[in-house]
N, C-alpha and C. Protein backbone atom coordinates (compact mmCIF):
# COMPACT_ATOMS: atom_id res chain seq x y z
N MET A 1 0.84 -1.18 0.00
CA MET A 1 0.00 0.00 0.00
C MET A 1 0.89 1.25 0.00
N ARG A 2 0.57 2.16 -0.87
CA ARG A 2 1.33 3.41 -0.95
C ARG A 2 0.53 4.52 -0.27
N THR A 3 1.20 5.31 0.53
CA THR A 3 0.55 6.44 1.18
C THR A 3 1.42 7.67 1.02
N ILE A 4 0.78 8.81 1.02
CA ILE A 4 1.50 10.07 0.97
C ILE A 4 2.01 10.37 2.36
N PRO A 5 3.31 10.58 2.51
CA PRO A 5 3.87 10.85 3.84
C PRO A 5 3.28 12.12 4.45
N PHE A 6 3.02 12.07 5.74
CA PHE A 6 2.51 13.21 6.49
C PHE A 6 3.57 14.30 6.52
N GLN A 7 3.15 15.53 6.25
CA GLN A 7 4.07 16.67 6.22
C GLN A 7 3.95 17.44 7.54
N LEU A 8 4.81 17.10 8.47
CA LEU A 8 4.83 17.74 9.77
C LEU A 8 5.11 19.22 9.59
N GLY A 9 4.39 20.05 10.29
CA GLY A 9 4.63 21.49 10.21
C GLY A 9 3.66 22.22 9.31
N ASN A 10 2.94 21.49 8.46
CA ASN A 10 1.91 22.14 7.65
C ASN A 10 0.64 22.21 8.48
N PRO A 11 -0.14 23.27 8.31
CA PRO A 11 -1.26 23.51 9.24
C PRO A 11 -2.43 22.53 9.14
N VAL A 12 -2.74 22.02 7.95
CA VAL A 12 -3.83 21.06 7.81
C VAL A 12 -3.24 19.67 8.02
N GLN A 13 -3.81 18.93 8.94
CA GLN A 13 -3.22 17.66 9.35
C GLN A 13 -3.73 16.45 8.58
N THR A 14 -4.78 16.61 7.77
CA THR A 14 -5.35 15.47 7.07
C THR A 14 -5.54 15.78 5.59
N GLY A 15 -5.61 14.71 4.82
CA GLY A 15 -5.90 14.84 3.39
C GLY A 15 -4.74 15.40 2.59
N ILE A 16 -4.99 15.52 1.32
CA ILE A 16 -3.96 16.03 0.42
C ILE A 16 -3.61 17.49 0.73
N GLU A 17 -4.52 18.17 1.42
CA GLU A 17 -4.27 19.56 1.81
C GLU A 17 -3.09 19.67 2.76
N ASN A 18 -2.69 18.55 3.39
CA ASN A 18 -1.52 18.53 4.26
C ASN A 18 -0.24 18.86 3.47
N LEU A 19 -0.30 18.76 2.15
CA LEU A 19 0.87 19.05 1.33
C LEU A 19 1.09 20.55 1.13
N PHE A 20 0.13 21.37 1.52
CA PHE A 20 0.26 22.82 1.35
C PHE A 20 0.85 23.46 2.60
N SER A 21 1.75 24.39 2.39
CA SER A 21 2.45 25.06 3.49
C SER A 21 1.56 26.09 4.18
N GLN A 22 2.02 26.52 5.33
CA GLN A 22 1.35 27.59 6.09
C GLN A 22 1.21 28.84 5.23
N GLN A 23 2.28 29.20 4.54
CA GLN A 23 2.28 30.41 3.70
C GLN A 23 1.21 30.32 2.61
N THR A 24 1.10 29.19 1.95
CA THR A 24 0.11 29.02 0.89
C THR A 24 -1.30 29.13 1.44
N LEU A 25 -1.57 28.43 2.53
CA LEU A 25 -2.92 28.45 3.09
C LEU A 25 -3.25 29.79 3.74
N ASP A 26 -2.24 30.50 4.25
CA ASP A 26 -2.47 31.86 4.77
C ASP A 26 -2.96 32.78 3.65
N ARG A 27 -2.33 32.68 2.47
CA ARG A 27 -2.75 33.51 1.32
C ARG A 27 -4.17 33.18 0.91
N ALA A 28 -4.49 31.90 0.82
CA ALA A 28 -5.84 31.49 0.43
C ALA A 28 -6.85 31.98 1.46
N ARG A 29 -6.51 31.84 2.72
CA ARG A 29 -7.42 32.24 3.80
C ARG A 29 -7.64 33.76 3.83
N ARG A 30 -6.58 34.52 3.53
CA ARG A 30 -6.73 35.99 3.45
C ARG A 30 -7.71 36.36 2.33
N ASP A 31 -7.62 35.64 1.22
CA ASP A 31 -8.47 35.93 0.07
C ASP A 31 -9.92 35.50 0.33
N LYS A 32 -10.09 34.33 0.97
CA LYS A 32 -11.44 33.86 1.30
C LYS A 32 -11.39 33.06 2.60
N PRO A 33 -11.70 33.71 3.72
CA PRO A 33 -11.63 33.04 5.02
C PRO A 33 -12.45 31.76 5.12
N ALA A 34 -13.50 31.63 4.33
CA ALA A 34 -14.36 30.44 4.41
C ALA A 34 -13.64 29.15 3.99
N PHE A 35 -12.52 29.25 3.29
CA PHE A 35 -11.79 28.06 2.87
C PHE A 35 -11.34 27.21 4.06
N ILE A 36 -10.88 27.87 5.11
CA ILE A 36 -10.22 27.18 6.22
C ILE A 36 -11.00 27.37 7.51
N ASP A 37 -11.31 26.26 8.17
CA ASP A 37 -11.91 26.30 9.50
C ASP A 37 -10.77 26.20 10.51
N VAL A 38 -10.83 27.01 11.56
CA VAL A 38 -9.77 27.02 12.56
C VAL A 38 -10.37 26.77 13.94
N GLU A 39 -9.81 25.79 14.62
CA GLU A 39 -10.11 25.59 16.04
C GLU A 39 -8.89 26.13 16.77
N TYR A 40 -9.07 27.24 17.48
CA TYR A 40 -7.95 27.90 18.12
C TYR A 40 -7.46 27.11 19.33
N GLU A 41 -6.20 27.33 19.68
CA GLU A 41 -5.63 26.70 20.86
C GLU A 41 -6.50 27.01 22.07
N HIS A 42 -6.70 25.99 22.88
CA HIS A 42 -7.51 26.18 24.09
C HIS A 42 -7.08 25.17 25.14
N THR A 43 -7.59 25.37 26.32
CA THR A 43 -7.29 24.48 27.44
C THR A 43 -8.49 23.57 27.68
N ARG A 44 -8.18 22.30 27.96
CA ARG A 44 -9.22 21.33 28.24
C ARG A 44 -8.91 20.66 29.57
N LEU A 45 -9.94 20.46 30.36
CA LEU A 45 -9.80 19.75 31.62
C LEU A 45 -10.34 18.34 31.41
N GLU A 46 -9.45 17.36 31.52
CA GLU A 46 -9.84 15.97 31.30
C GLU A 46 -9.35 15.12 32.48
N ARG A 47 -10.29 14.49 33.18
CA ARG A 47 -9.98 13.66 34.35
C ARG A 47 -9.15 14.43 35.38
N GLY A 48 -9.49 15.69 35.55
CA GLY A 48 -8.81 16.52 36.54
C GLY A 48 -7.49 17.10 36.08
N GLN A 49 -7.06 16.76 34.87
CA GLN A 49 -5.79 17.26 34.33
C GLN A 49 -6.06 18.29 33.25
N GLU A 50 -5.42 19.43 33.41
CA GLU A 50 -5.55 20.48 32.41
C GLU A 50 -4.52 20.25 31.30
N THR A 51 -4.99 20.24 30.06
CA THR A 51 -4.09 20.07 28.92
C THR A 51 -4.38 21.16 27.90
N THR A 52 -3.37 21.49 27.14
CA THR A 52 -3.52 22.47 26.07
C THR A 52 -3.79 21.73 24.77
N VAL A 53 -4.86 22.12 24.12
CA VAL A 53 -5.21 21.56 22.82
C VAL A 53 -4.68 22.55 21.78
N PRO A 54 -3.76 22.10 20.91
CA PRO A 54 -3.17 23.03 19.94
C PRO A 54 -4.17 23.49 18.87
N GLU A 55 -3.84 24.62 18.24
CA GLU A 55 -4.66 25.12 17.14
C GLU A 55 -4.73 24.06 16.05
N ARG A 56 -5.90 23.94 15.43
CA ARG A 56 -6.10 22.94 14.38
C ARG A 56 -6.80 23.58 13.19
N TRP A 57 -6.24 23.39 12.00
CA TRP A 57 -6.83 23.89 10.78
C TRP A 57 -7.40 22.72 9.99
N SER A 58 -8.50 22.99 9.29
CA SER A 58 -9.06 22.01 8.36
C SER A 58 -9.72 22.78 7.21
N VAL A 59 -9.76 22.13 6.06
CA VAL A 59 -10.44 22.74 4.91
C VAL A 59 -11.92 22.48 5.08
N ASN A 60 -12.71 23.54 4.98
CA ASN A 60 -14.16 23.40 5.10
C ASN A 60 -14.64 22.47 3.99
N GLN A 61 -15.41 21.45 4.35
CA GLN A 61 -15.86 20.44 3.39
C GLN A 61 -16.60 21.04 2.19
N GLU A 62 -17.37 22.09 2.43
CA GLU A 62 -18.13 22.72 1.35
C GLU A 62 -17.27 23.65 0.50
N GLU A 63 -16.02 23.88 0.92
CA GLU A 63 -15.13 24.80 0.20
C GLU A 63 -13.98 24.10 -0.50
N LYS A 64 -13.91 22.76 -0.42
CA LYS A 64 -12.78 22.04 -1.02
C LYS A 64 -12.61 22.35 -2.51
N THR A 65 -13.70 22.28 -3.25
CA THR A 65 -13.62 22.55 -4.69
C THR A 65 -13.23 24.00 -4.94
N ASN A 66 -13.79 24.92 -4.16
CA ASN A 66 -13.45 26.34 -4.33
C ASN A 66 -11.98 26.59 -4.01
N LEU A 67 -11.46 25.92 -2.96
CA LEU A 67 -10.04 26.06 -2.64
C LEU A 67 -9.18 25.51 -3.78
N CYS A 68 -9.57 24.37 -4.31
CA CYS A 68 -8.85 23.79 -5.44
C CYS A 68 -8.81 24.76 -6.62
N ASN A 69 -9.97 25.33 -6.93
CA ASN A 69 -10.03 26.30 -8.04
C ASN A 69 -9.16 27.51 -7.75
N TRP A 70 -9.18 27.99 -6.50
CA TRP A 70 -8.36 29.15 -6.13
C TRP A 70 -6.87 28.82 -6.29
N LEU A 71 -6.47 27.64 -5.83
CA LEU A 71 -5.07 27.24 -5.94
C LEU A 71 -4.64 27.10 -7.39
N CYS A 72 -5.52 26.57 -8.24
CA CYS A 72 -5.19 26.44 -9.66
C CYS A 72 -5.06 27.81 -10.32
N GLU A 73 -5.87 28.76 -9.88
CA GLU A 73 -5.83 30.10 -10.47
C GLU A 73 -4.71 30.96 -9.90
N HIS A 74 -4.47 30.88 -8.60
CA HIS A 74 -3.53 31.79 -7.94
C HIS A 74 -2.25 31.12 -7.46
N GLY A 75 -2.20 29.80 -7.50
CA GLY A 75 -1.05 29.08 -6.97
C GLY A 75 0.20 29.28 -7.81
N THR A 76 1.33 29.17 -7.13
CA THR A 76 2.64 29.25 -7.79
C THR A 76 3.30 27.88 -7.73
N GLN A 77 4.36 27.74 -8.45
CA GLN A 77 5.10 26.48 -8.41
C GLN A 77 5.51 26.18 -6.97
N ASP A 78 5.92 27.19 -6.23
CA ASP A 78 6.35 26.99 -4.86
C ASP A 78 5.19 26.50 -3.98
N ASP A 79 3.96 26.94 -4.27
CA ASP A 79 2.81 26.49 -3.50
C ASP A 79 2.61 24.98 -3.61
N PHE A 80 3.05 24.40 -4.70
CA PHE A 80 2.87 22.97 -4.95
C PHE A 80 4.13 22.17 -4.64
N ARG A 81 5.10 22.79 -3.99
CA ARG A 81 6.37 22.13 -3.66
C ARG A 81 6.13 20.85 -2.85
N GLY A 82 5.15 20.85 -1.96
CA GLY A 82 4.86 19.67 -1.15
C GLY A 82 4.42 18.47 -1.96
N PHE A 83 4.01 18.68 -3.21
CA PHE A 83 3.57 17.58 -4.06
C PHE A 83 4.73 16.77 -4.62
N GLU A 84 5.94 17.21 -4.37
CA GLU A 84 7.13 16.47 -4.81
C GLU A 84 7.06 15.02 -4.34
N VAL A 85 6.58 14.81 -3.12
CA VAL A 85 6.48 13.44 -2.58
C VAL A 85 5.51 12.60 -3.40
N VAL A 86 4.46 13.22 -3.93
CA VAL A 86 3.49 12.49 -4.76
C VAL A 86 4.14 12.11 -6.09
N PHE A 87 4.86 13.05 -6.69
CA PHE A 87 5.55 12.75 -7.95
C PHE A 87 6.54 11.61 -7.75
N ASP A 88 7.26 11.62 -6.63
CA ASP A 88 8.22 10.56 -6.34
C ASP A 88 7.52 9.21 -6.22
N LEU A 89 6.37 9.17 -5.54
CA LEU A 89 5.62 7.92 -5.41
C LEU A 89 5.15 7.40 -6.77
N VAL A 90 4.66 8.31 -7.61
CA VAL A 90 4.17 7.91 -8.93
C VAL A 90 5.33 7.40 -9.78
N GLU A 91 6.45 8.11 -9.76
CA GLU A 91 7.61 7.68 -10.54
C GLU A 91 8.09 6.31 -10.09
N LYS A 92 8.11 6.10 -8.79
CA LYS A 92 8.55 4.80 -8.26
C LYS A 92 7.58 3.70 -8.68
N ALA A 93 6.28 3.99 -8.62
CA ALA A 93 5.27 3.00 -9.02
C ALA A 93 5.38 2.66 -10.50
N LEU A 94 5.76 3.66 -11.31
CA LEU A 94 5.89 3.45 -12.75
C LEU A 94 7.26 2.90 -13.15
N GLY A 95 8.17 2.83 -12.18
CA GLY A 95 9.50 2.32 -12.46
C GLY A 95 10.39 3.31 -13.17
N VAL A 96 10.11 4.60 -13.03
CA VAL A 96 10.94 5.63 -13.65
C VAL A 96 12.25 5.70 -12.87
N PRO A 97 13.39 5.59 -13.56
CA PRO A 97 14.67 5.65 -12.84
C PRO A 97 14.87 7.00 -12.18
N GLU A 98 15.53 6.98 -11.00
CA GLU A 98 15.83 8.22 -10.30
C GLU A 98 16.83 9.02 -11.12
N SER A 99 16.69 10.35 -11.07
CA SER A 99 17.60 11.20 -11.83
C SER A 99 18.96 11.19 -11.16
N THR A 100 19.97 11.43 -11.97
CA THR A 100 21.33 11.50 -11.43
C THR A 100 21.56 12.88 -10.88
N GLY A 101 22.36 12.96 -9.85
CA GLY A 101 22.63 14.25 -9.23
C GLY A 101 21.58 14.55 -8.18
N SER A 102 21.86 15.57 -7.39
CA SER A 102 20.92 15.94 -6.33
C SER A 102 19.84 16.85 -6.87
N LYS A 103 18.75 16.95 -6.12
CA LYS A 103 17.66 17.83 -6.50
C LYS A 103 18.14 19.27 -6.60
N ALA A 104 19.10 19.63 -5.75
CA ALA A 104 19.60 21.00 -5.74
C ALA A 104 20.35 21.33 -7.03
N ASP A 105 20.83 20.29 -7.75
CA ASP A 105 21.58 20.51 -8.98
C ASP A 105 20.69 20.91 -10.14
N HIS A 106 19.39 20.71 -10.01
CA HIS A 106 18.48 20.91 -11.13
C HIS A 106 17.46 21.97 -10.79
N GLY A 107 17.23 22.87 -11.72
CA GLY A 107 16.16 23.84 -11.55
C GLY A 107 14.85 23.20 -11.92
N PRO A 108 13.77 23.97 -11.91
CA PRO A 108 12.48 23.43 -12.31
C PRO A 108 12.55 22.88 -13.73
N SER A 109 11.93 21.75 -13.95
CA SER A 109 11.90 21.17 -15.28
C SER A 109 10.53 20.59 -15.54
N VAL A 110 10.19 20.48 -16.80
CA VAL A 110 8.90 19.93 -17.19
C VAL A 110 9.04 18.42 -17.30
N ALA A 111 8.14 17.69 -16.61
CA ALA A 111 8.18 16.23 -16.64
C ALA A 111 7.21 15.66 -17.66
N ALA A 112 6.24 16.44 -18.08
CA ALA A 112 5.24 15.96 -19.03
C ALA A 112 4.77 17.13 -19.86
N SER A 113 4.03 16.83 -20.90
CA SER A 113 3.54 17.89 -21.76
C SER A 113 2.50 18.73 -21.03
N ASP A 114 2.18 19.85 -21.61
CA ASP A 114 1.21 20.77 -21.01
C ASP A 114 -0.16 20.11 -20.90
N HIS A 115 -0.75 20.23 -19.72
CA HIS A 115 -2.10 19.74 -19.47
C HIS A 115 -2.88 20.89 -18.88
N SER A 116 -3.34 21.79 -19.72
CA SER A 116 -4.03 22.98 -19.25
C SER A 116 -5.16 22.62 -18.31
N GLY A 117 -5.25 23.39 -17.23
CA GLY A 117 -6.32 23.20 -16.28
C GLY A 117 -6.02 22.19 -15.19
N ASP A 118 -4.79 21.62 -15.19
CA ASP A 118 -4.49 20.66 -14.13
C ASP A 118 -4.18 21.40 -12.83
N ALA A 119 -3.95 20.66 -11.79
CA ALA A 119 -3.77 21.24 -10.46
C ALA A 119 -2.49 22.06 -10.32
N LEU A 120 -1.62 22.03 -11.31
CA LEU A 120 -0.42 22.84 -11.25
C LEU A 120 -0.59 24.14 -12.02
N GLY A 121 -1.80 24.43 -12.42
CA GLY A 121 -2.09 25.71 -13.04
C GLY A 121 -1.54 25.85 -14.45
N GLY A 122 -1.71 24.83 -15.30
CA GLY A 122 -1.36 25.01 -16.69
C GLY A 122 -0.27 24.09 -17.19
N GLY A 123 0.12 23.10 -16.47
CA GLY A 123 1.10 22.16 -16.98
C GLY A 123 1.63 21.28 -15.89
N ALA A 124 1.78 19.99 -16.19
CA ALA A 124 2.35 19.09 -15.21
C ALA A 124 3.85 19.38 -15.15
N ARG A 125 4.28 19.97 -14.09
CA ARG A 125 5.69 20.36 -13.96
C ARG A 125 6.36 19.58 -12.86
N ARG A 126 7.51 19.06 -13.16
CA ARG A 126 8.33 18.40 -12.15
C ARG A 126 9.00 19.50 -11.36
N LEU A 127 8.93 19.44 -10.05
CA LEU A 127 9.40 20.53 -9.22
C LEU A 127 10.83 20.35 -8.76
N ARG A 128 11.62 19.68 -9.51
CA ARG A 128 13.04 19.48 -9.14
C ARG A 128 13.87 20.59 -9.69
């Protein structure tokens, strides 16, 4: 079974939205606050013990498609940087040989032909 690795440090803890950074989701939220539901940090008393419940972000279920459309329209290559792990999983599943050299040695490159309207905003781009 293949799974997308959890991206610690990103504000949304579940789903593919976990691949988006704080900076990306902050921009989306500034543009349309309804995209993101926030449960702010608070204190909970459980069995006589006080604990701090950390802030939690989630994409509003009714806004998922709108957020996707916003990201396709306003997103940058950097906003989709977290999807590198997905590309790696797909390449591994397809048996695509790993590139020689480090990722730092290569600038952005196109991995496939243009697919207008895809989630990368106008072309499937390899983010290496």
